[in-house]
PDB file of N, CA and C in Angstrom:
ATOM      1  N   MET A   1      -6.895  25.054 -46.691  1.00  0.00           N
ATOM      2  CA  MET A   1      -7.627  24.007 -45.884  1.00  0.00           C
ATOM      3  C   MET A   1      -7.476  22.812 -47.025  1.00  0.00           C
ATOM      4  N   LYS A   2      -7.806  22.896 -47.921  1.00  0.00           N
ATOM      5  CA  LYS A   2      -8.182  21.973 -48.911  1.00  0.00           C
ATOM      6  C   LYS A   2      -6.815  21.282 -48.638  1.00  0.00           C
ATOM      7  N   ASN A   3      -5.513  21.966 -48.742  1.00  0.00           N
ATOM      8  CA  ASN A   3      -3.676  21.464 -48.823  1.00  0.00           C
ATOM      9  C   ASN A   3      -3.580  21.076 -47.525  1.00  0.00           C
ATOM     10  N   LEU A   4      -4.140  21.211 -46.355  1.00  0.00           N
ATOM     11  CA  LEU A   4      -3.653  20.675 -45.477  1.00  0.00           C
ATOM     12  C   LEU A   4      -4.495  19.266 -45.346  1.00  0.00           C
ATOM     13  N   LEU A   5      -5.852  19.103 -46.015  1.00  0.00           N
ATOM     14  CA  LEU A   5      -6.713  17.746 -45.762  1.00  0.00           C
ATOM     15  C   LEU A   5      -6.140  16.868 -46.882  1.00  0.00           C
ATOM     16  N   LEU A   6      -5.952  17.222 -48.067  1.00  0.00           N
ATOM     17  CA  LEU A   6      -6.111  16.814 -49.445  1.00  0.00           C
ATOM     18  C   LEU A   6      -4.595  17.221 -50.155  1.00  0.00           C
ATOM     19  N   ARG A   7      -4.322  16.212 -50.867  1.00  0.00           N
ATOM     20  CA  ARG A   7      -3.126  16.734 -51.506  1.00  0.00           C
ATOM     21  C   ARG A   7      -3.455  17.034 -53.453  1.00  0.00           C
ATOM     22  N   PRO A   8      -3.409  18.067 -53.499  1.00  0.00           N
ATOM     23  CA  PRO A   8      -3.842  18.663 -54.778  1.00  0.00           C
ATOM     24  C   PRO A   8      -3.998  17.906 -55.605  1.00  0.00           C
ATOM     25  N   LYS A   9      -2.815  17.283 -56.296  1.00  0.00           N
ATOM     26  CA  LYS A   9      -2.433  17.081 -57.896  1.00  0.00           C
ATOM     27  C   LYS A   9      -3.430  15.595 -57.953  1.00  0.00           C
ATOM     28  N   PRO A  10      -3.442  14.774 -56.681  1.00  0.00           N
ATOM     29  CA  PRO A  10      -4.137  13.456 -56.661  1.00  0.00           C
ATOM     30  C   PRO A  10      -5.800  13.756 -56.693  1.00  0.00           C
ATOM     31  N   CYS A  11      -5.922  14.798 -55.793  1.00  0.00           N
ATOM     32  CA  CYS A  11      -7.691  15.032 -56.135  1.00  0.00           C
ATOM     33  C   CYS A  11      -8.114  15.717 -57.208  1.00  0.00           C
ATOM     34  N   ALA A  12      -6.983  16.338 -57.991  1.00  0.00           N
ATOM     35  CA  ALA A  12      -7.157  17.337 -59.540  1.00  0.00           C
ATOM     36  C   ALA A  12      -7.459  16.122 -60.401  1.00  0.00           C
ATOM     37  N   ILE A  13      -6.394  15.273 -60.210  1.00  0.00           N
ATOM     38  CA  ILE A  13      -6.318  14.032 -61.196  1.00  0.00           C
ATOM     39  C   ILE A  13      -7.602  13.269 -61.144  1.00  0.00           C
ATOM     40  N   LEU A  14      -8.072  13.042 -60.011  1.00  0.00           N
ATOM     41  CA  LEU A  14      -9.570  11.864 -59.640  1.00  0.00           C
ATOM     42  C   LEU A  14     -10.678  13.436 -60.228  1.00  0.00           C
ATOM     43  N   THR A  15     -10.583  14.206 -59.710  1.00  0.00           N
ATOM     44  CA  THR A  15     -11.508  15.403 -60.084  1.00  0.00           C
ATOM     45  C   THR A  15     -11.836  15.110 -61.838  1.00  0.00           C
ATOM     46  N   MET A  16     -10.883  15.548 -62.467  1.00  0.00           N
ATOM     47  CA  MET A  16     -10.996  15.330 -63.990  1.00  0.00           C
ATOM     48  C   MET A  16     -11.104  14.236 -64.309  1.00  0.00           C
ATOM     49  N   LEU A  17     -10.919  12.796 -63.482  1.00  0.00           N
ATOM     50  CA  LEU A  17     -11.676  11.966 -64.884  1.00  0.00           C
ATOM     51  C   LEU A  17     -13.015  12.129 -64.168  1.00  0.00           C
ATOM     52  N   LYS A  18     -13.484  12.647 -63.536  1.00  0.00           N
ATOM     53  CA  LYS A  18     -14.962  12.483 -63.453  1.00  0.00           C
ATOM     54  C   LYS A  18     -15.574  12.986 -64.842  1.00  0.00           C
ATOM     55  N   ASP A  19     -15.000  13.775 -65.379  1.00  0.00           N
ATOM     56  CA  ASP A  19     -15.541  14.549 -67.054  1.00  0.00           C
ATOM     57  C   ASP A  19     -15.440  12.960 -67.601  1.00  0.00           C
ATOM     58  N   ASN A  20     -16.274  12.336 -68.183  1.00  0.00           N
ATOM     59  CA  ASN A  20     -16.196  11.186 -69.081  1.00  0.00           C
ATOM     60  C   ASN A  20     -16.628  11.250 -70.429  1.00  0.00           C
ATOM     61  N   THR A  21     -16.658  12.935 -71.002  1.00  0.00           N
ATOM     62  CA  THR A  21     -16.784  13.011 -72.224  1.00  0.00           C
ATOM     63  C   THR A  21     -15.446  13.399 -73.116  1.00  0.00           C
ATOM     64  N   GLN A  22     -14.445  12.830 -72.169  1.00  0.00           N
ATOM     65  CA  GLN A  22     -13.215  13.158 -72.747  1.00  0.00           C
ATOM     66  C   GLN A  22     -12.569  11.716 -72.882  1.00  0.00           C
ATOM     67  N   GLU A  23     -11.431  11.752 -73.784  1.00  0.00           N
ATOM     68  CA  GLU A  23     -10.896  10.542 -72.984  1.00  0.00           C
ATOM     69  C   GLU A  23      -9.470  10.950 -72.627  1.00  0.00           C
ATOM     70  N   TRP A  24      -9.512  10.145 -71.429  1.00  0.00           N
ATOM     71  CA  TRP A  24      -8.057  10.714 -70.437  1.00  0.00           C
ATOM     72  C   TRP A  24      -6.560   9.789 -70.627  1.00  0.00           C
ATOM     73  N   TYR A  25      -6.191  10.675 -70.762  1.00  0.00           N
ATOM     74  CA  TYR A  25      -4.331   9.266 -70.950  1.00  0.00           C
ATOM     75  C   TYR A  25      -3.805  10.162 -70.362  1.00  0.00           C
ATOM     76  N   PRO A  26      -2.900   9.383 -69.538  1.00  0.00           N
ATOM     77  CA  PRO A  26      -1.975   9.657 -68.276  1.00  0.00           C
ATOM     78  C   PRO A  26      -1.194  10.777 -68.690  1.00  0.00           C
ATOM     79  N   SER A  27      -0.525  10.673 -69.842  1.00  0.00           N
ATOM     80  CA  SER A  27       0.148  12.012 -70.154  1.00  0.00           C
ATOM     81  C   SER A  27      -0.888  13.223 -70.329  1.00  0.00           C
ATOM     82  N   LYS A  28      -1.861  13.564 -70.523  1.00  0.00           N
ATOM     83  CA  LYS A  28      -2.950  14.161 -70.615  1.00  0.00           C
ATOM     84  C   LYS A  28      -3.369  14.863 -68.988  1.00  0.00           C
ATOM     85  N   LEU A  29      -3.333  13.933 -68.019  1.00  0.00           N
ATOM     86  CA  LEU A  29      -3.815  14.207 -66.864  1.00  0.00           C
ATOM     87  C   LEU A  29      -2.557  14.936 -66.287  1.00  0.00           C
ATOM     88  N   ALA A  30      -1.404  14.208 -66.328  1.00  0.00           N
ATOM     89  CA  ALA A  30      -0.119  14.981 -65.621  1.00  0.00           C
ATOM     90  C   ALA A  30       0.110  16.375 -66.180  1.00  0.00           C
ATOM     91  N   LYS A  31      -0.497  16.543 -67.048  1.00  0.00           N
ATOM     92  CA  LYS A  31       0.322  17.933 -67.823  1.00  0.00           C
ATOM     93  C   LYS A  31      -1.070  18.939 -67.085  1.00  0.00           C
ATOM     94  N   LEU A  32      -2.267  18.130 -67.225  1.00  0.00           N
ATOM     95  CA  LEU A  32      -3.021  19.865 -66.722  1.00  0.00           C
ATOM     96  C   LEU A  32      -3.329  19.469 -65.131  1.00  0.00           C
ATOM     97  N   ALA A  33      -2.858  18.562 -64.446  1.00  0.00           N
ATOM     98  CA  ALA A  33      -2.405  18.682 -62.882  1.00  0.00           C
ATOM     99  C   ALA A  33      -1.056  18.764 -62.402  1.00  0.00           C
ATOM    100  N   GLY A  34      -0.623  19.311 -63.433  1.00  0.00           N
ATOM    101  CA  GLY A  34       0.857  19.919 -63.073  1.00  0.00           C
ATOM    102  C   GLY A  34       2.014  18.986 -62.291  1.00  0.00           C
ATOM    103  N   ALA A  35       1.568  17.425 -62.781  1.00  0.00           N
ATOM    104  CA  ALA A  35       2.801  16.836 -62.388  1.00  0.00           C
ATOM    105  C   ALA A  35       3.492  15.862 -63.226  1.00  0.00           C
ATOM    106  N   SER A  36       4.746  15.353 -63.062  1.00  0.00           N
ATOM    107  CA  SER A  36       5.141  14.658 -63.707  1.00  0.00           C
ATOM    108  C   SER A  36       4.824  13.301 -64.363  1.00  0.00           C
ATOM    109  N   TYR A  37       4.995  12.994 -65.693  1.00  0.00           N
ATOM    110  CA  TYR A  37       4.077  11.560 -65.841  1.00  0.00           C
ATOM    111  C   TYR A  37       4.453  10.640 -64.996  1.00  0.00           C
ATOM    112  N   VAL A  38       5.579  10.540 -64.898  1.00  0.00           N
ATOM    113  CA  VAL A  38       6.006   9.606 -63.727  1.00  0.00           C
ATOM    114  C   VAL A  38       5.488   9.407 -62.682  1.00  0.00           C
ATOM    115  N   TYR A  39       5.250  10.822 -61.902  1.00  0.00           N
ATOM    116  CA  TYR A  39       4.494  10.678 -60.845  1.00  0.00           C
ATOM    117  C   TYR A  39       2.629  10.259 -60.883  1.00  0.00           C
ATOM    118  N   THR A  40       1.905  10.710 -62.370  1.00  0.00           N
ATOM    119  CA  THR A  40       1.004  10.814 -62.736  1.00  0.00           C
ATOM    120  C   THR A  40       0.648   8.869 -62.771  1.00  0.00           C
ATOM    121  N   THR A  41       1.759   8.248 -63.510  1.00  0.00           N
ATOM    122  CA  THR A  41       1.424   6.756 -63.956  1.00  0.00           C
ATOM    123  C   THR A  41       1.515   6.170 -62.765  1.00  0.00           C
ATOM    124  N   ASN A  42       2.777   6.605 -61.547  1.00  0.00           N
ATOM    125  CA  ASN A  42       2.037   5.598 -60.420  1.00  0.00           C
ATOM    126  C   ASN A  42       1.189   5.881 -59.209  1.00  0.00           C
ATOM    127  N   LEU A  43       0.790   7.293 -59.400  1.00  0.00           N
ATOM    128  CA  LEU A  43      -0.258   7.442 -58.894  1.00  0.00           C
ATOM    129  C   LEU A  43      -1.752   6.503 -59.240  1.00  0.00           C
ATOM    130  N   LEU A  44      -1.711   6.523 -60.592  1.00  0.00           N
ATOM    131  CA  LEU A  44      -2.636   5.704 -61.272  1.00  0.00           C
ATOM    132  C   LEU A  44      -2.411   3.939 -60.878  1.00  0.00           C
ATOM    133  N   SER A  45      -1.424   3.769 -61.133  1.00  0.00           N
ATOM    134  CA  SER A  45      -1.377   2.520 -60.578  1.00  0.00           C
ATOM    135  C   SER A  45      -2.063   2.335 -59.062  1.00  0.00           C
ATOM    136  N   LYS A  46      -1.284   3.004 -58.131  1.00  0.00           N
ATOM    137  CA  LYS A  46      -1.887   2.707 -57.169  1.00  0.00           C
ATOM    138  C   LYS A  46      -3.286   2.977 -57.125  1.00  0.00           C
ATOM    139  N   PHE A  47      -4.363   3.708 -57.651  1.00  0.00           N
ATOM    140  CA  PHE A  47      -5.350   4.013 -57.890  1.00  0.00           C
ATOM    141  C   PHE A  47      -6.085   3.255 -58.501  1.00  0.00           C
ATOM    142  N   GLU A  48      -5.545   1.796 -59.612  1.00  0.00           N
ATOM    143  CA  GLU A  48      -5.976   0.904 -59.625  1.00  0.00           C
ATOM    144  C   GLU A  48      -5.928   0.043 -59.248  1.00  0.00           C
ATOM    145  N   SER A  49      -4.873  -0.157 -58.096  1.00  0.00           N
ATOM    146  CA  SER A  49      -4.863  -1.353 -57.127  1.00  0.00           C
ATOM    147  C   SER A  49      -5.785  -1.302 -56.273  1.00  0.00           C
ATOM    148  N   ALA A  50      -6.435  -0.041 -55.855  1.00  0.00           N
ATOM    149  CA  ALA A  50      -7.283   0.184 -55.260  1.00  0.00           C
ATOM    150  C   ALA A  50      -8.843   0.126 -55.369  1.00  0.00           C
ATOM    151  N   GLY A  51      -8.828  -0.174 -56.842  1.00  0.00           N
ATOM    152  CA  GLY A  51     -10.140  -0.268 -57.545  1.00  0.00           C
ATOM    153  C   GLY A  51     -10.887   1.092 -57.724  1.00  0.00           C
ATOM    154  N   VAL A  52     -10.126   2.205 -58.133  1.00  0.00           N
ATOM    155  CA  VAL A  52     -10.495   3.518 -58.354  1.00  0.00           C
ATOM    156  C   VAL A  52     -10.413   3.771 -59.347  1.00  0.00           C
ATOM    157  N   VAL A  53      -9.997   3.329 -60.249  1.00  0.00           N
ATOM    158  CA  VAL A  53      -9.616   3.777 -61.869  1.00  0.00           C
ATOM    159  C   VAL A  53      -9.349   2.523 -62.483  1.00  0.00           C
ATOM    160  N   LEU A  54      -9.420   2.302 -63.762  1.00  0.00           N
ATOM    161  CA  LEU A  54      -9.349   1.273 -64.802  1.00  0.00           C
ATOM    162  C   LEU A  54      -8.810   1.799 -66.209  1.00  0.00           C
ATOM    163  N   PHE A  55      -7.865   1.199 -66.646  1.00  0.00           N
ATOM    164  CA  PHE A  55      -6.913   1.160 -67.914  1.00  0.00           C
ATOM    165  C   PHE A  55      -7.854   0.650 -68.526  1.00  0.00           C
ATOM    166  N   GLU A  56      -8.010   1.167 -70.074  1.00  0.00           N
ATOM    167  CA  GLU A  56      -8.550   0.368 -71.113  1.00  0.00           C
ATOM    168  C   GLU A  56      -7.582   0.831 -72.054  1.00  0.00           C
ATOM    169  N   ARG A  57      -6.814  -0.422 -73.003  1.00  0.00           N
ATOM    170  CA  ARG A  57      -6.210  -0.451 -74.024  1.00  0.00           C
ATOM    171  C   ARG A  57      -6.573  -0.214 -75.128  1.00  0.00           C
ATOM    172  N   LYS A  58      -6.388   0.766 -75.901  1.00  0.00           N
ATOM    173  CA  LYS A  58      -6.681   1.152 -77.593  1.00  0.00           C
ATOM    174  C   LYS A  58      -5.731   1.020 -78.415  1.00  0.00           C
ATOM    175  N   GLY A  59      -5.164   0.203 -79.216  1.00  0.00           N
ATOM    176  CA  GLY A  59      -3.567  -0.078 -79.581  1.00  0.00           C
ATOM    177  C   GLY A  59      -2.546  -0.074 -78.589  1.00  0.00           C
ATOM    178  N   LYS A  60      -1.785   1.114 -79.029  1.00  0.00           N
ATOM    179  CA  LYS A  60      -0.426   1.001 -78.409  1.00  0.00           C
ATOM    180  C   LYS A  60      -1.112   1.896 -76.784  1.00  0.00           C
ATOM    181  N   THR A  61      -1.879   2.471 -76.942  1.00  0.00           N
ATOM    182  CA  THR A  61      -2.242   3.612 -75.987  1.00  0.00           C
ATOM    183  C   THR A  61      -3.448   3.109 -75.015  1.00  0.00           C
ATOM    184  N   LYS A  62      -3.173   3.907 -73.566  1.00  0.00           N
ATOM    185  CA  LYS A  62      -3.997   3.514 -72.546  1.00  0.00           C
ATOM    186  C   LYS A  62      -4.806   4.368 -71.916  1.00  0.00           C
ATOM    187  N   THR A  63      -5.760   4.392 -72.180  1.00  0.00           N
ATOM    188  CA  THR A  63      -7.328   5.852 -71.303  1.00  0.00           C
ATOM    189  C   THR A  63      -7.389   5.266 -69.878  1.00  0.00           C
ATOM    190  N   VAL A  64      -7.737   6.147 -69.276  1.00  0.00           N
ATOM    191  CA  VAL A  64      -8.182   6.006 -67.706  1.00  0.00           C
ATOM    192  C   VAL A  64      -9.426   6.492 -67.268  1.00  0.00           C
ATOM    193  N   LYS A  65     -10.455   5.423 -66.881  1.00  0.00           N
ATOM    194  CA  LYS A  65     -11.427   6.007 -66.136  1.00  0.00           C
ATOM    195  C   LYS A  65     -11.728   5.574 -64.905  1.00  0.00           C
ATOM    196  N   LEU A  66     -12.694   5.934 -64.575  1.00  0.00           N
ATOM    197  CA  LEU A  66     -12.865   5.971 -63.197  1.00  0.00           C
ATOM    198  C   LEU A  66     -14.102   4.806 -62.830  1.00  0.00           C
ATOM    199  N   THR A  67     -14.087   3.962 -62.131  1.00  0.00           N
ATOM    200  CA  THR A  67     -14.522   3.014 -61.667  1.00  0.00           C
ATOM    201  C   THR A  67     -16.109   3.276 -60.993  1.00  0.00           C
ATOM    202  N   GLU A  68     -16.898   2.789 -60.420  1.00  0.00           N
ATOM    203  CA  GLU A  68     -18.162   2.977 -59.404  1.00  0.00           C
ATOM    204  C   GLU A  68     -17.658   3.611 -58.454  1.00  0.00           C
ATOM    205  N   LYS A  69     -16.684   3.084 -57.909  1.00  0.00           N
ATOM    206  CA  LYS A  69     -15.831   3.658 -56.652  1.00  0.00           C
ATOM    207  C   LYS A  69     -15.115   4.709 -56.882  1.00  0.00           C
ATOM    208  N   GLY A  70     -14.479   4.717 -57.886  1.00  0.00           N
ATOM    209  CA  GLY A  70     -13.845   6.474 -58.215  1.00  0.00           C
ATOM    210  C   GLY A  70     -14.446   7.305 -58.619  1.00  0.00           C
ATOM    211  N   ALA A  71     -16.006   7.131 -59.093  1.00  0.00           N
ATOM    212  CA  ALA A  71     -17.231   8.092 -59.048  1.00  0.00           C
ATOM    213  C   ALA A  71     -16.991   8.453 -57.780  1.00  0.00           C
ATOM    214  N   LEU A  72     -17.696   7.834 -56.602  1.00  0.00           N
ATOM    215  CA  LEU A  72     -17.982   8.269 -55.312  1.00  0.00           C
ATOM    216  C   LEU A  72     -16.740   8.956 -54.852  1.00  0.00           C
ATOM    217  N   LEU A  73     -15.982   8.411 -55.062  1.00  0.00           N
ATOM    218  CA  LEU A  73     -14.637   9.081 -54.125  1.00  0.00           C
ATOM    219  C   LEU A  73     -14.226  10.499 -54.855  1.00  0.00           C
ATOM    220  N   SER A  74     -14.712  10.482 -56.053  1.00  0.00           N
ATOM    221  CA  SER A  74     -14.564  11.770 -56.662  1.00  0.00           C
ATOM    222  C   SER A  74     -15.255  12.936 -56.633  1.00  0.00           C
ATOM    223  N   SER A  75     -16.909  12.265 -56.274  1.00  0.00           N
ATOM    224  CA  SER A  75     -17.784  13.099 -55.645  1.00  0.00           C
ATOM    225  C   SER A  75     -17.649  13.819 -54.329  1.00  0.00           C
ATOM    226  N   ALA A  76     -17.219  12.956 -53.440  1.00  0.00           N
ATOM    227  CA  ALA A  76     -16.626  13.071 -52.088  1.00  0.00           C
ATOM    228  C   ALA A  76     -15.650  13.996 -52.214  1.00  0.00           C
ATOM    229  N   ILE A  77     -14.818  13.581 -52.846  1.00  0.00           N
ATOM    230  CA  ILE A  77     -13.729  15.021 -52.495  1.00  0.00           C
ATOM    231  C   ILE A  77     -13.914  16.273 -52.596  1.00  0.00           C
ATOM    232  N   GLU A  78     -14.809  16.508 -54.481  1.00  0.00           N
ATOM    233  CA  GLU A  78     -15.228  17.748 -54.885  1.00  0.00           C
ATOM    234  C   GLU A  78     -16.580  18.219 -53.775  1.00  0.00           C
ATOM    235  N   GLU A  79     -16.819  17.690 -53.141  1.00  0.00           N
ATOM    236  CA  GLU A  79     -18.113  18.178 -52.060  1.00  0.00           C
ATOM    237  C   GLU A  79     -16.986  18.814 -50.933  1.00  0.00           C
ATOM    238  N   LEU A  80     -15.735  17.905 -50.500  1.00  0.00           N
ATOM    239  CA  LEU A  80     -15.204  18.037 -49.482  1.00  0.00           C
ATOM    240  C   LEU A  80     -14.482  19.443 -49.336  1.00  0.00           C
ATOM    241  N   ILE A  81     -14.105  19.778 -51.126  1.00  0.00           N
ATOM    242  CA  ILE A  81     -13.589  20.682 -51.378  1.00  0.00           C
ATOM    243  C   ILE A  81     -14.323  22.170 -51.280  1.00  0.00           C
ATOM    244  N   LYS A  82     -15.830  22.026 -51.704  1.00  0.00           N
ATOM    245  CA  LYS A  82     -16.570  23.102 -51.548  1.00  0.00           C
ATOM    246  C   LYS A  82     -16.776  23.294 -50.358  1.00  0.00           C
ATOM    247  N   LYS A  83     -16.836  22.475 -49.563  1.00  0.00           N
ATOM    248  CA  LYS A  83     -17.198  22.929 -48.041  1.00  0.00           C
ATOM    249  C   LYS A  83     -16.272  23.211 -47.299  1.00  0.00           C
ATOM    250  N   THR A  84     -15.063  23.223 -47.869  1.00  0.00           N
ATOM    251  CA  THR A  84     -13.890  23.601 -46.637  1.00  0.00           C
ATOM    252  C   THR A  84     -12.841  24.825 -47.537  1.00  0.00           C
ATOM    253  N   GLU A  85     -13.257  25.273 -48.722  1.00  0.00           N
ATOM    254  CA  GLU A  85     -12.728  26.021 -49.625  1.00  0.00           C
ATOM    255  C   GLU A  85     -13.296  27.621 -49.146  1.00  0.00           C
ATOM    256  N   THR A  86     -12.125  28.476 -49.177  1.00  0.00           N
ATOM    257  CA  THR A  86     -12.861  29.762 -49.087  1.00  0.00           C
ATOM    258  C   THR A  86     -12.843  30.395 -50.782  1.00  0.00           C
ATOM    259  N   LYS A  87     -13.229  31.403 -50.804  1.00  0.00           N
ATOM    260  CA  LYS A  87     -13.357  32.467 -52.114  1.00  0.00           C
ATOM    261  C   LYS A  87     -11.934  32.545 -52.759  1.00  0.00           C
ATOM    262  N   LYS A  88     -10.877  32.696 -51.960  1.00  0.00           N
ATOM    263  CA  LYS A  88      -9.209  33.062 -52.700  1.00  0.00           C
ATOM    264  C   LYS A  88      -9.245  31.464 -53.128  1.00  0.00           C
ATOM    265  N   GLU A  89      -9.298  30.811 -52.549  1.00  0.00           N
ATOM    266  CA  GLU A  89      -8.416  29.068 -52.630  1.00  0.00           C
ATOM    267  C   GLU A  89      -9.657  28.757 -53.974  1.00  0.00           C
ATOM    268  N   ALA A  90     -10.696  29.010 -53.839  1.00  0.00           N
ATOM    269  CA  ALA A  90     -11.731  27.888 -55.261  1.00  0.00           C
ATOM    270  C   ALA A  90     -11.281  29.159 -56.354  1.00  0.00           C
ATOM    271  N   GLU A  91     -10.376  30.525 -56.536  1.00  0.00           N
ATOM    272  CA  GLU A  91     -10.565  30.792 -57.580  1.00  0.00           C
ATOM    273  C   GLU A  91      -8.743  30.266 -58.079  1.00  0.00           C
ATOM    274  N   GLN A  92      -8.161  29.433 -57.279  1.00  0.00           N
ATOM    275  CA  GLN A  92      -7.138  29.048 -57.702  1.00  0.00           C
ATOM    276  C   GLN A  92      -7.080  27.529 -58.169  1.00  0.00           C
ATOM    277  N   ILE A  93      -8.204  27.502 -57.616  1.00  0.00           N
ATOM    278  CA  ILE A  93      -8.399  25.600 -58.435  1.00  0.00           C
ATOM    279  C   ILE A  93      -8.463  25.538 -59.937  1.00  0.00           C
ATOM    280  N   PRO A  94      -7.464  24.725 -60.482  1.00  0.00           N
ATOM    281  CA  PRO A  94      -7.428  24.690 -61.891  1.00  0.00           C
ATOM    282  C   PRO A  94      -8.660  23.991 -62.418  1.00  0.00           C
ATOM    283  N   LYS A  95      -9.118  24.971 -63.366  1.00  0.00           N
ATOM    284  CA  LYS A  95     -10.427  24.840 -64.122  1.00  0.00           C
ATOM    285  C   LYS A  95     -10.333  23.398 -65.077  1.00  0.00           C
ATOM    286  N   GLN A  96     -11.254  22.420 -65.553  1.00  0.00           N
ATOM    287  CA  GLN A  96     -11.276  21.692 -66.217  1.00  0.00           C
ATOM    288  C   GLN A  96     -11.042  21.989 -67.862  1.00  0.00           C
ATOM    289  N   PRO A  97     -10.326  21.906 -68.469  1.00  0.00           N
ATOM    290  CA  PRO A  97     -10.455  22.477 -69.996  1.00  0.00           C
ATOM    291  C   PRO A  97     -11.796  21.663 -70.673  1.00  0.00           C
ATOM    292  N   ALA A  98     -12.220  22.877 -71.487  1.00  0.00           N
ATOM    293  CA  ALA A  98     -13.813  22.996 -72.505  1.00  0.00           C
ATOM    294  C   ALA A  98     -13.342  21.249 -73.113  1.00  0.00           C
ATOM    295  N   ALA A  99     -14.552  21.088 -73.297  1.00  0.00           N
ATOM    296  CA  ALA A  99     -14.108  19.384 -74.499  1.00  0.00           C
ATOM    297  C   ALA A  99     -14.547  20.135 -75.958  1.00  0.00           C
TER     298      ALA A  99
END
């Protein structure tokens, strides 16, 4: 059901970003979401334009964080997933890595 309503990779990226105990780099998000780097950076640019994420420069690297709007959207996506997933689908959702 989730795959019909929500695209898995953008949802995975938004829900991973909710974990603010880690520094999130576009390459790390791409790898964990099973997406290409180019796809992920284009998606993050669209999210930035929509006010969902913001980029922070640290030297030559960029980290990504959710804005307040992004945190609300991420929470709403998690709730929708919980309400629509079956037990089998829940077991297939990629788990966030331990900090």
